[in-house]
Amino acid sequence: MTATTASATSSATVTSAVTAAEKTGARTPEAVDVIENARERIDALDDRIIGLVQERMAVSAVIQEARITSGGRRVNLSREMEVLGHYRDALGKPGTALAMTLLELCRGRV
């Protein structure tokens, strides 16, 4: 191995060895533990949220299919306004953006 290759390998090893404190931004071992545990919970919640969004998409597809089959339109704008209002009331202005994203995800693969 050449000196340059050894130096690059050593450099890569040092760079990839990020400490838990650096990864979490915490300054004490106790804070590292709290953050790591909370992040595990967030990751689990994110997995559940993704599953619920996928379930919502499937239910929405059933509704759209029934509406289209009966001669209606794919999208019911008054219902979408209800959904937007529900999210806005519960979560404020960012809730509206979240609802718009959900509606966009659910509008369409019928």
Protein backbone atom coordinates (compact mmCIF):
# COMPACT_ATOMS: atom_id res chain seq x y z
CA MET A 1 0.00 0.00 0.00
CA THR A 2 1.42 3.41 -0.88
CA ALA A 3 1.74 6.24 1.63
CA THR A 4 -1.00 8.15 -0.19
CA THR A 5 -3.39 5.19 -0.10
CA ALA A 6 -2.65 4.55 3.58
CA SER A 7 -3.23 8.22 4.36
CA ALA A 8 -6.56 8.24 2.46
CA THR A 9 -7.66 5.04 4.20
CA SER A 10 -6.70 6.41 7.61
CA SER A 11 -8.52 9.66 6.84
CA ALA A 12 -11.69 7.80 5.80
CA THR A 13 -11.60 5.75 9.01
CA VAL A 14 -11.32 8.86 11.17
CA THR A 15 -14.12 10.59 9.23
CA SER A 16 -16.51 7.63 9.53
CA ALA A 17 -15.90 7.26 13.28
CA VAL A 18 -18.45 9.87 14.37
CA THR A 19 -19.12 9.80 18.09
CA ALA A 20 -22.61 9.58 19.57
CA ALA A 21 -22.17 13.08 20.98
CA GLU A 22 -21.34 14.43 17.52
CA LYS A 23 -24.24 12.54 15.97
CA THR A 24 -26.77 13.84 18.51
CA GLY A 25 -25.29 17.26 19.24
CA ALA A 26 -25.49 16.44 22.95
CA ARG A 27 -22.82 17.46 25.43
CA THR A 28 -23.41 14.90 28.15
CA PRO A 29 -23.77 11.09 28.11
CA GLU A 30 -27.20 11.46 29.72
CA ALA A 31 -28.39 13.77 26.93
CA VAL A 32 -26.98 11.37 24.32
CA ASP A 33 -29.08 8.56 25.85
CA VAL A 34 -32.23 10.70 25.93
CA ILE A 35 -31.77 11.82 22.33
CA GLU A 36 -30.94 8.35 21.00
CA ASN A 37 -33.99 6.85 22.74
CA ALA A 38 -36.26 9.66 21.54
CA ARG A 39 -34.96 9.28 17.99
CA GLU A 40 -35.76 5.57 18.08
CA ARG A 41 -39.32 6.46 19.12
CA ILE A 42 -39.54 9.04 16.33
CA ASP A 43 -38.33 6.48 13.78
CA ALA A 44 -41.01 4.03 14.99
CA LEU A 45 -43.66 6.77 14.84
CA ASP A 46 -42.55 7.71 11.32
CA ASP A 47 -42.94 4.07 10.26
CA ARG A 48 -46.47 4.04 11.71
CA ILE A 49 -47.32 7.36 10.03
CA ILE A 50 -46.11 6.05 6.67
CA GLY A 51 -48.23 2.93 7.14
CA LEU A 52 -51.28 5.04 7.98
CA VAL A 53 -50.72 7.26 4.94
CA GLN A 54 -50.51 4.17 2.75
CA GLU A 55 -53.72 2.87 4.32
CA ARG A 56 -55.38 6.26 3.73
CA MET A 57 -54.29 6.12 0.09
CA ALA A 58 -55.90 2.69 -0.32
CA VAL A 59 -59.18 3.80 1.28
CA SER A 60 -59.19 6.94 -0.86
CA ALA A 61 -58.73 4.79 -3.98
CA VAL A 62 -61.82 2.76 -3.00
CA ILE A 63 -63.85 5.95 -2.59
CA GLN A 64 -62.63 7.37 -5.89
CA GLU A 65 -63.37 4.13 -7.73
CA ALA A 66 -66.92 4.04 -6.34
CA ARG A 67 -67.46 7.69 -7.21
CA ILE A 68 -66.15 7.29 -10.77
CA THR A 69 -68.06 4.05 -11.35
CA SER A 70 -71.27 5.79 -10.33
CA GLY A 71 -70.62 8.55 -12.87
CA GLY A 72 -69.16 11.07 -10.45
CA ARG A 73 -65.88 12.93 -10.49
CA ARG A 74 -62.67 11.51 -9.08
CA VAL A 75 -62.26 14.41 -6.64
CA ASN A 76 -64.88 15.92 -4.35
CA LEU A 77 -63.64 19.46 -3.68
CA SER A 78 -66.09 20.17 -0.85
CA ARG A 79 -64.80 17.09 0.98
CA GLU A 80 -61.22 18.21 0.41
CA MET A 81 -62.09 21.58 1.95
CA GLU A 82 -63.44 19.74 5.03
CA VAL A 83 -60.19 17.79 5.33
CA LEU A 84 -58.11 20.97 4.98
CA GLY A 85 -60.19 22.67 7.67
CA HIS A 86 -59.86 19.71 10.01
CA TYR A 87 -56.06 19.68 9.74
CA ARG A 88 -55.85 23.49 10.00
CA ASP A 89 -58.01 23.50 13.14
CA ALA A 90 -55.94 20.75 14.74
CA LEU A 91 -52.44 21.82 13.69
CA GLY A 92 -52.61 25.44 12.53
CA LYS A 93 -51.27 26.71 9.23
CA PRO A 94 -48.69 23.89 8.85
CA GLY A 95 -51.61 21.45 9.19
CA THR A 96 -53.06 22.86 5.97
CA ALA A 97 -49.81 22.13 4.13
CA LEU A 98 -49.75 18.62 5.58
CA ALA A 99 -53.36 18.03 4.51
CA MET A 100 -52.59 19.29 1.00
CA THR A 101 -49.73 16.80 0.77
CA LEU A 102 -51.98 13.96 1.97
CA LEU A 103 -54.71 14.92 -0.47
CA GLU A 104 -52.18 15.02 -3.31
CA LEU A 105 -50.88 11.58 -2.37
CA CYS A 106 -54.39 10.18 -2.17
CA ARG A 107 -55.88 11.74 -5.30
CA GLY A 108 -54.68 9.60 -7.77
CA ARG A 109 -53.96 6.16 -8.98
CA VAL A 110 -57.43 4.88 -9.84
